[in-house]
Amino acid sequence: VLGVLRSRHIPASILSNKSGDFLRKEVDHLGWSHYFGGSIGAGDAEEDKPSPRAVDAALHPIGLKANADIWLVGDAPVDIQCARAAGCTGIFVSGGDMQRHAWDEGTVPQYSISTCKELLEWL
């Protein structure tokens, strides 16, 4: 998926609740740094997820602003809550199990997929 995004010049950033330093070390270790314009973790922004300020911090390095055309792809309700707070489109990666989380009105995802590879169908 990351290779396809890059080949199509679709910018991407990571927004995580892992500490920023740990996240960047992990991204470097995996050899993914060149795929992302920004890697924003806990403590890097004025506020962490689910605050829209966290989304702003992740989008700033790639020159974008939060809006409905921005996909925030995540695997936890806080990711969807964050997408909604920022005005982005929330896509939940369920791993095939939507029932593993308690969903409330503010966290129900706009879209749900089983694996990230399903994103390729939408690009």
C-alpha atoms as a PDB file:
ATOM      1  CA  VAL A   1       0.000   0.000   0.000  1.00  0.00           C
ATOM      2  CA  LEU A   2       2.768   2.443   0.915  1.00  0.00           C
ATOM      3  CA  GLY A   3       4.529   1.820  -2.395  1.00  0.00           C
ATOM      4  CA  VAL A   4       1.350   2.492  -4.352  1.00  0.00           C
ATOM      5  CA  LEU A   5       0.714   5.727  -2.461  1.00  0.00           C
ATOM      6  CA  ARG A   6       4.255   6.861  -3.186  1.00  0.00           C
ATOM      7  CA  SER A   7       4.128   5.866  -6.861  1.00  0.00           C
ATOM      8  CA  ARG A   8       0.915   7.865  -7.275  1.00  0.00           C
ATOM      9  CA  HIS A   9       2.380  10.883  -5.444  1.00  0.00           C
ATOM     10  CA  ILE A  10      -0.236  10.643  -2.684  1.00  0.00           C
ATOM     11  CA  PRO A  11       1.300  12.221   0.425  1.00  0.00           C
ATOM     12  CA  ALA A  12       1.096  10.392   3.738  1.00  0.00           C
ATOM     13  CA  SER A  13       1.927  11.010   7.376  1.00  0.00           C
ATOM     14  CA  ILE A  14       1.726   8.862  10.477  1.00  0.00           C
ATOM     15  CA  LEU A  15      -0.204   9.974  13.541  1.00  0.00           C
ATOM     16  CA  SER A  16       0.209   7.715  16.559  1.00  0.00           C
ATOM     17  CA  ASN A  17      -0.329   7.712  20.294  1.00  0.00           C
ATOM     18  CA  LYS A  18       3.060   6.025  20.685  1.00  0.00           C
ATOM     19  CA  SER A  19       5.676   8.482  21.882  1.00  0.00           C
ATOM     20  CA  GLY A  20       7.077  10.510  19.015  1.00  0.00           C
ATOM     21  CA  ASP A  21      10.667   9.378  19.559  1.00  0.00           C
ATOM     22  CA  PHE A  22       9.676   5.704  19.735  1.00  0.00           C
ATOM     23  CA  LEU A  23       7.462   6.039  16.642  1.00  0.00           C
ATOM     24  CA  ARG A  24      10.225   7.587  14.521  1.00  0.00           C
ATOM     25  CA  LYS A  25      12.721   4.918  15.627  1.00  0.00           C
ATOM     26  CA  GLU A  26      10.211   2.234  14.687  1.00  0.00           C
ATOM     27  CA  VAL A  27       9.516   3.831  11.282  1.00  0.00           C
ATOM     28  CA  ASP A  28      13.259   4.112  10.611  1.00  0.00           C
ATOM     29  CA  HIS A  29      13.849   0.506  11.705  1.00  0.00           C
ATOM     30  CA  LEU A  30      11.138  -0.718   9.320  1.00  0.00           C
ATOM     31  CA  GLY A  31      12.654   1.306   6.474  1.00  0.00           C
ATOM     32  CA  TRP A  32       9.467   3.320   5.983  1.00  0.00           C
ATOM     33  CA  SER A  33      10.746   6.860   6.553  1.00  0.00           C
ATOM     34  CA  HIS A  34      10.769   7.703   2.845  1.00  0.00           C
ATOM     35  CA  TYR A  35       7.039   6.939   2.609  1.00  0.00           C
ATOM     36  CA  PHE A  36       5.984   9.569   5.125  1.00  0.00           C
ATOM     37  CA  GLY A  37       6.259  13.335   5.145  1.00  0.00           C
ATOM     38  CA  GLY A  38       5.666  13.385   8.872  1.00  0.00           C
ATOM     39  CA  SER A  39       5.688  11.009  11.802  1.00  0.00           C
ATOM     40  CA  ILE A  40       3.824  12.568  14.708  1.00  0.00           C
ATOM     41  CA  GLY A  41       3.543  10.742  17.995  1.00  0.00           C
ATOM     42  CA  ALA A  42       2.362  11.460  21.508  1.00  0.00           C
ATOM     43  CA  GLY A  43       3.892  14.643  22.834  1.00  0.00           C
ATOM     44  CA  ASP A  44       4.801  16.060  19.407  1.00  0.00           C
ATOM     45  CA  ALA A  45       1.676  18.193  18.935  1.00  0.00           C
ATOM     46  CA  GLU A  46      -0.011  20.668  21.263  1.00  0.00           C
ATOM     47  CA  GLU A  47      -2.526  17.898  22.004  1.00  0.00           C
ATOM     48  CA  ASP A  48      -2.600  14.170  21.219  1.00  0.00           C
ATOM     49  CA  LYS A  49      -5.348  12.139  19.564  1.00  0.00           C
ATOM     50  CA  PRO A  50      -8.281  12.572  19.486  1.00  0.00           C
ATOM     51  CA  SER A  51      -7.619  16.320  19.278  1.00  0.00           C
ATOM     52  CA  PRO A  52      -7.784  17.849  15.794  1.00  0.00           C
ATOM     53  CA  ARG A  53      -4.528  19.623  16.671  1.00  0.00           C
ATOM     54  CA  ALA A  54      -2.787  16.256  16.376  1.00  0.00           C
ATOM     55  CA  VAL A  55      -4.131  15.899  12.829  1.00  0.00           C
ATOM     56  CA  ASP A  56      -2.975  19.419  11.984  1.00  0.00           C
ATOM     57  CA  ALA A  57       0.516  18.533  13.217  1.00  0.00           C
ATOM     58  CA  ALA A  58       0.587  15.396  11.046  1.00  0.00           C
ATOM     59  CA  LEU A  59      -0.638  17.223   7.943  1.00  0.00           C
ATOM     60  CA  HIS A  60       1.578  20.293   8.277  1.00  0.00           C
ATOM     61  CA  PRO A  61       4.801  18.598   7.010  1.00  0.00           C
ATOM     62  CA  ILE A  62       3.020  17.480   3.830  1.00  0.00           C
ATOM     63  CA  GLY A  63       1.390  20.854   3.210  1.00  0.00           C
ATOM     64  CA  LEU A  64      -2.215  19.782   3.720  1.00  0.00           C
ATOM     65  CA  LYS A  65      -5.097  20.953   5.884  1.00  0.00           C
ATOM     66  CA  ALA A  66      -7.732  18.747   7.462  1.00  0.00           C
ATOM     67  CA  ASN A  67     -10.868  18.268   5.376  1.00  0.00           C
ATOM     68  CA  ALA A  68     -13.197  15.484   4.225  1.00  0.00           C
ATOM     69  CA  ASP A  69     -10.819  14.552   1.382  1.00  0.00           C
ATOM     70  CA  ILE A  70      -8.170  13.532   3.912  1.00  0.00           C
ATOM     71  CA  TRP A  71      -8.352   9.879   4.952  1.00  0.00           C
ATOM     72  CA  LEU A  72      -7.432   9.056   8.532  1.00  0.00           C
ATOM     73  CA  VAL A  73      -6.932   5.305   8.585  1.00  0.00           C
ATOM     74  CA  GLY A  74      -6.783   3.654  11.977  1.00  0.00           C
ATOM     75  CA  ASP A  75      -7.419   0.550  13.999  1.00  0.00           C
ATOM     76  CA  ALA A  76      -8.959   1.978  17.165  1.00  0.00           C
ATOM     77  CA  PRO A  77     -12.033   4.059  18.044  1.00  0.00           C
ATOM     78  CA  VAL A  78      -9.790   6.976  19.069  1.00  0.00           C
ATOM     79  CA  ASP A  79      -8.580   7.166  15.463  1.00  0.00           C
ATOM     80  CA  ILE A  80     -12.125   7.534  14.174  1.00  0.00           C
ATOM     81  CA  GLN A  81     -12.950  10.023  16.915  1.00  0.00           C
ATOM     82  CA  CYS A  82      -9.876  12.008  15.860  1.00  0.00           C
ATOM     83  CA  ALA A  83     -10.894  11.926  12.180  1.00  0.00           C
ATOM     84  CA  ARG A  84     -14.369  13.212  13.019  1.00  0.00           C
ATOM     85  CA  ALA A  85     -13.012  15.964  15.291  1.00  0.00           C
ATOM     86  CA  ALA A  86     -10.722  17.176  12.507  1.00  0.00           C
ATOM     87  CA  GLY A  87     -13.329  16.926   9.732  1.00  0.00           C
ATOM     88  CA  CYS A  88     -11.477  14.112   7.955  1.00  0.00           C
ATOM     89  CA  THR A  89     -12.844  10.837   6.615  1.00  0.00           C
ATOM     90  CA  GLY A  90     -12.356   8.050   9.154  1.00  0.00           C
ATOM     91  CA  ILE A  91     -11.512   4.597   7.815  1.00  0.00           C
ATOM     92  CA  PHE A  92     -11.365   1.783  10.346  1.00  0.00           C
ATOM     93  CA  VAL A  93      -9.143  -1.235   9.700  1.00  0.00           C
ATOM     94  CA  SER A  94     -11.047  -3.945  11.529  1.00  0.00           C
ATOM     95  CA  GLY A  95      -8.874  -6.961  10.917  1.00  0.00           C
ATOM     96  CA  GLY A  96     -12.204  -8.616  10.165  1.00  0.00           C
ATOM     97  CA  ASP A  97     -13.657  -7.990  13.622  1.00  0.00           C
ATOM     98  CA  MET A  98     -15.822  -4.874  13.977  1.00  0.00           C
ATOM     99  CA  GLN A  99     -17.216  -6.231  17.244  1.00  0.00           C
ATOM    100  CA  ARG A 100     -13.924  -6.026  19.140  1.00  0.00           C
ATOM    101  CA  HIS A 101     -14.584  -2.370  19.983  1.00  0.00           C
ATOM    102  CA  ALA A 102     -17.447  -0.614  21.678  1.00  0.00           C
ATOM    103  CA  TRP A 103     -18.715   1.964  19.207  1.00  0.00           C
ATOM    104  CA  ASP A 104     -20.627   5.027  20.248  1.00  0.00           C
ATOM    105  CA  GLU A 105     -22.150   7.764  18.147  1.00  0.00           C
ATOM    106  CA  GLY A 106     -18.921   9.766  17.959  1.00  0.00           C
ATOM    107  CA  THR A 107     -16.708   6.872  16.935  1.00  0.00           C
ATOM    108  CA  VAL A 108     -18.706   4.887  14.375  1.00  0.00           C
ATOM    109  CA  PRO A 109     -16.430   4.871  11.317  1.00  0.00           C
ATOM    110  CA  GLN A 110     -17.568   6.291   7.994  1.00  0.00           C
ATOM    111  CA  TYR A 111     -15.890   3.323   6.321  1.00  0.00           C
ATOM    112  CA  SER A 112     -14.588  -0.006   7.553  1.00  0.00           C
ATOM    113  CA  ILE A 113     -12.181  -2.377   5.851  1.00  0.00           C
ATOM    114  CA  SER A 114     -10.651  -5.663   6.966  1.00  0.00           C
ATOM    115  CA  THR A 115      -7.099  -4.946   5.755  1.00  0.00           C
ATOM    116  CA  CYS A 116      -5.153  -1.954   4.485  1.00  0.00           C
ATOM    117  CA  LYS A 117      -4.847  -3.653   1.095  1.00  0.00           C
ATOM    118  CA  GLU A 118      -8.534  -2.901   0.562  1.00  0.00           C
ATOM    119  CA  LEU A 119      -7.575   0.773   0.350  1.00  0.00           C
ATOM    120  CA  LEU A 120      -6.000   0.027  -3.026  1.00  0.00           C
ATOM    121  CA  GLU A 121      -9.474  -0.514  -4.473  1.00  0.00           C
ATOM    122  CA  TRP A 122     -10.366   3.089  -3.600  1.00  0.00           C
ATOM    123  CA  LEU A 123      -7.257   4.763  -5.012  1.00  0.00           C
END
